[in-house]
Amino acid sequence: MTESDSIKFNCGAVGTNMKKCIIEFKNGLLIVDGSKGINPSQIKHLTFTNAPNYGLYIYVIYEDSNSKLVHAGFGSLDIREGAGFQTRFLNWMSEGK
């Protein structure tokens, strides 16, 4: 997963509100389910949570194309899967790809 450009993962709020989604890292953008996408500079807040009942969860607040702050979350109950996504996400944040 750490090198993949397209990942089937979980998006939404922690717990039962999460749904399957497709996350792509393409042309420097993070794209969820075919959205317009965001670049790393749009991320204004980032939190990682690793809890026994929730696995790994990434919470972000980002500035959308209308300059509005929006929140999003990504997570997995499987710690290995979550750690792989976390590594891929941090690579994107660092390198924009």
C-alpha atoms as a PDB file:
ATOM      1  CA  MET A   1       0.000   0.000   0.000  1.00  0.00           C
ATOM      2  CA  THR A   2       2.813   2.451   0.742  1.00  0.00           C
ATOM      3  CA  GLU A   3       3.682   2.805  -2.958  1.00  0.00           C
ATOM      4  CA  SER A   4       0.181   2.545  -4.397  1.00  0.00           C
ATOM      5  CA  ASP A   5      -1.407   5.474  -6.220  1.00  0.00           C
ATOM      6  CA  SER A   6      -4.965   4.143  -5.812  1.00  0.00           C
ATOM      7  CA  ILE A   7      -6.158   2.670  -2.518  1.00  0.00           C
ATOM      8  CA  LYS A   8      -9.461   1.209  -1.357  1.00  0.00           C
ATOM      9  CA  PHE A   9      -9.799   2.517   2.186  1.00  0.00           C
ATOM     10  CA  ASN A  10     -12.296   3.895   4.716  1.00  0.00           C
ATOM     11  CA  CYS A  11     -13.437   7.513   4.824  1.00  0.00           C
ATOM     12  CA  GLY A  12     -15.616   9.425   7.277  1.00  0.00           C
ATOM     13  CA  ALA A  13     -16.024   9.713  11.021  1.00  0.00           C
ATOM     14  CA  VAL A  14     -14.473   7.227  13.441  1.00  0.00           C
ATOM     15  CA  GLY A  15     -16.386   4.003  13.987  1.00  0.00           C
ATOM     16  CA  THR A  16     -19.581   2.952  12.258  1.00  0.00           C
ATOM     17  CA  ASN A  17     -19.850   6.152  10.187  1.00  0.00           C
ATOM     18  CA  MET A  18     -16.916   5.125   7.993  1.00  0.00           C
ATOM     19  CA  LYS A  19     -17.586   3.988   4.427  1.00  0.00           C
ATOM     20  CA  LYS A  20     -15.438   2.406   1.765  1.00  0.00           C
ATOM     21  CA  CYS A  21     -13.869   4.894  -0.631  1.00  0.00           C
ATOM     22  CA  ILE A  22     -11.227   5.079  -3.330  1.00  0.00           C
ATOM     23  CA  ILE A  23      -8.298   7.346  -2.508  1.00  0.00           C
ATOM     24  CA  GLU A  24      -5.931   8.332  -5.307  1.00  0.00           C
ATOM     25  CA  PHE A  25      -2.613  10.145  -5.136  1.00  0.00           C
ATOM     26  CA  LYS A  26      -2.373  11.652  -8.611  1.00  0.00           C
ATOM     27  CA  ASN A  27      -0.525  14.681 -10.018  1.00  0.00           C
ATOM     28  CA  GLY A  28       0.283  15.897  -6.505  1.00  0.00           C
ATOM     29  CA  LEU A  29      -3.354  15.692  -5.386  1.00  0.00           C
ATOM     30  CA  LEU A  30      -5.208  13.516  -2.900  1.00  0.00           C
ATOM     31  CA  ILE A  31      -8.469  12.573  -4.621  1.00  0.00           C
ATOM     32  CA  VAL A  32     -11.361  10.798  -2.862  1.00  0.00           C
ATOM     33  CA  ASP A  33     -14.002   9.033  -4.953  1.00  0.00           C
ATOM     34  CA  GLY A  34     -13.205  11.069  -8.071  1.00  0.00           C
ATOM     35  CA  SER A  35     -13.390  14.480  -6.363  1.00  0.00           C
ATOM     36  CA  LYS A  36     -11.447  17.535  -7.553  1.00  0.00           C
ATOM     37  CA  GLY A  37      -8.733  16.712  -5.011  1.00  0.00           C
ATOM     38  CA  ILE A  38      -6.503  18.716  -2.695  1.00  0.00           C
ATOM     39  CA  ASN A  39      -2.783  19.356  -2.537  1.00  0.00           C
ATOM     40  CA  PRO A  40      -0.652  19.109   0.624  1.00  0.00           C
ATOM     41  CA  SER A  41      -0.580  22.895   1.158  1.00  0.00           C
ATOM     42  CA  GLN A  42      -4.363  22.885   1.639  1.00  0.00           C
ATOM     43  CA  ILE A  43      -4.026  20.775   4.811  1.00  0.00           C
ATOM     44  CA  LYS A  44      -4.302  23.106   7.813  1.00  0.00           C
ATOM     45  CA  HIS A  45      -4.534  20.545  10.641  1.00  0.00           C
ATOM     46  CA  LEU A  46      -3.552  16.896  10.867  1.00  0.00           C
ATOM     47  CA  THR A  47      -4.054  14.402  13.691  1.00  0.00           C
ATOM     48  CA  PHE A  48      -3.217  10.703  13.914  1.00  0.00           C
ATOM     49  CA  THR A  49      -4.998   8.514  16.452  1.00  0.00           C
ATOM     50  CA  ASN A  50      -4.033   4.953  17.244  1.00  0.00           C
ATOM     51  CA  ALA A  51      -6.593   3.455  19.613  1.00  0.00           C
ATOM     52  CA  PRO A  52      -7.311  -0.219  20.387  1.00  0.00           C
ATOM     53  CA  ASN A  53     -10.998  -0.025  19.413  1.00  0.00           C
ATOM     54  CA  TYR A  54     -10.521   2.256  16.407  1.00  0.00           C
ATOM     55  CA  GLY A  55      -7.242   1.121  14.831  1.00  0.00           C
ATOM     56  CA  LEU A  56      -5.503   3.984  13.069  1.00  0.00           C
ATOM     57  CA  TYR A  57      -7.435   7.136  12.217  1.00  0.00           C
ATOM     58  CA  ILE A  58      -6.233  10.236  10.357  1.00  0.00           C
ATOM     59  CA  TYR A  59      -8.244  13.437  10.850  1.00  0.00           C
ATOM     60  CA  VAL A  60      -7.572  16.461   8.638  1.00  0.00           C
ATOM     61  CA  ILE A  61      -8.921  19.964   8.275  1.00  0.00           C
ATOM     62  CA  TYR A  62      -8.235  21.412   4.848  1.00  0.00           C
ATOM     63  CA  GLU A  63      -9.064  24.536   2.873  1.00  0.00           C
ATOM     64  CA  ASP A  64     -11.306  23.753  -0.095  1.00  0.00           C
ATOM     65  CA  SER A  65     -11.323  25.571  -3.452  1.00  0.00           C
ATOM     66  CA  ASN A  66     -13.792  28.124  -2.013  1.00  0.00           C
ATOM     67  CA  SER A  67     -11.401  28.977   0.861  1.00  0.00           C
ATOM     68  CA  LYS A  68     -13.699  27.224   3.343  1.00  0.00           C
ATOM     69  CA  LEU A  69     -12.320  24.953   6.050  1.00  0.00           C
ATOM     70  CA  VAL A  70     -13.585  21.380   5.723  1.00  0.00           C
ATOM     71  CA  HIS A  71     -12.818  18.259   7.748  1.00  0.00           C
ATOM     72  CA  ALA A  72     -12.247  14.693   6.628  1.00  0.00           C
ATOM     73  CA  GLY A  73     -11.170  11.423   8.164  1.00  0.00           C
ATOM     74  CA  PHE A  74      -9.524   8.219   6.985  1.00  0.00           C
ATOM     75  CA  GLY A  75      -9.096   5.064   9.008  1.00  0.00           C
ATOM     76  CA  SER A  76      -8.760   1.341   9.401  1.00  0.00           C
ATOM     77  CA  LEU A  77      -9.394  -1.087  12.226  1.00  0.00           C
ATOM     78  CA  ASP A  78      -6.512  -3.134  10.814  1.00  0.00           C
ATOM     79  CA  ILE A  79      -3.343  -1.584  12.286  1.00  0.00           C
ATOM     80  CA  ARG A  80      -1.095  -2.864   9.449  1.00  0.00           C
ATOM     81  CA  GLU A  81      -3.421  -1.487   6.768  1.00  0.00           C
ATOM     82  CA  GLY A  82      -3.705   1.801   8.666  1.00  0.00           C
ATOM     83  CA  ALA A  83       0.058   2.080   9.097  1.00  0.00           C
ATOM     84  CA  GLY A  84       0.546   1.477   5.358  1.00  0.00           C
ATOM     85  CA  PHE A  85      -1.931   4.233   4.528  1.00  0.00           C
ATOM     86  CA  GLN A  86      -0.326   6.558   7.085  1.00  0.00           C
ATOM     87  CA  THR A  87       3.080   6.054   5.430  1.00  0.00           C
ATOM     88  CA  ARG A  88       1.607   6.684   1.962  1.00  0.00           C
ATOM     89  CA  PHE A  89      -0.239   9.791   3.221  1.00  0.00           C
ATOM     90  CA  LEU A  90       2.908  11.211   4.842  1.00  0.00           C
ATOM     91  CA  ASN A  91       4.898  10.596   1.641  1.00  0.00           C
ATOM     92  CA  TRP A  92       2.267  12.609  -0.236  1.00  0.00           C
ATOM     93  CA  MET A  93       2.395  15.379   2.397  1.00  0.00           C
ATOM     94  CA  SER A  94       6.204  15.508   2.170  1.00  0.00           C
ATOM     95  CA  GLU A  95       6.736  15.096  -1.555  1.00  0.00           C
ATOM     96  CA  GLY A  96       3.383  15.990  -3.115  1.00  0.00           C
ATOM     97  CA  LYS A  97       3.215  12.665  -4.941  1.00  0.00           C
END
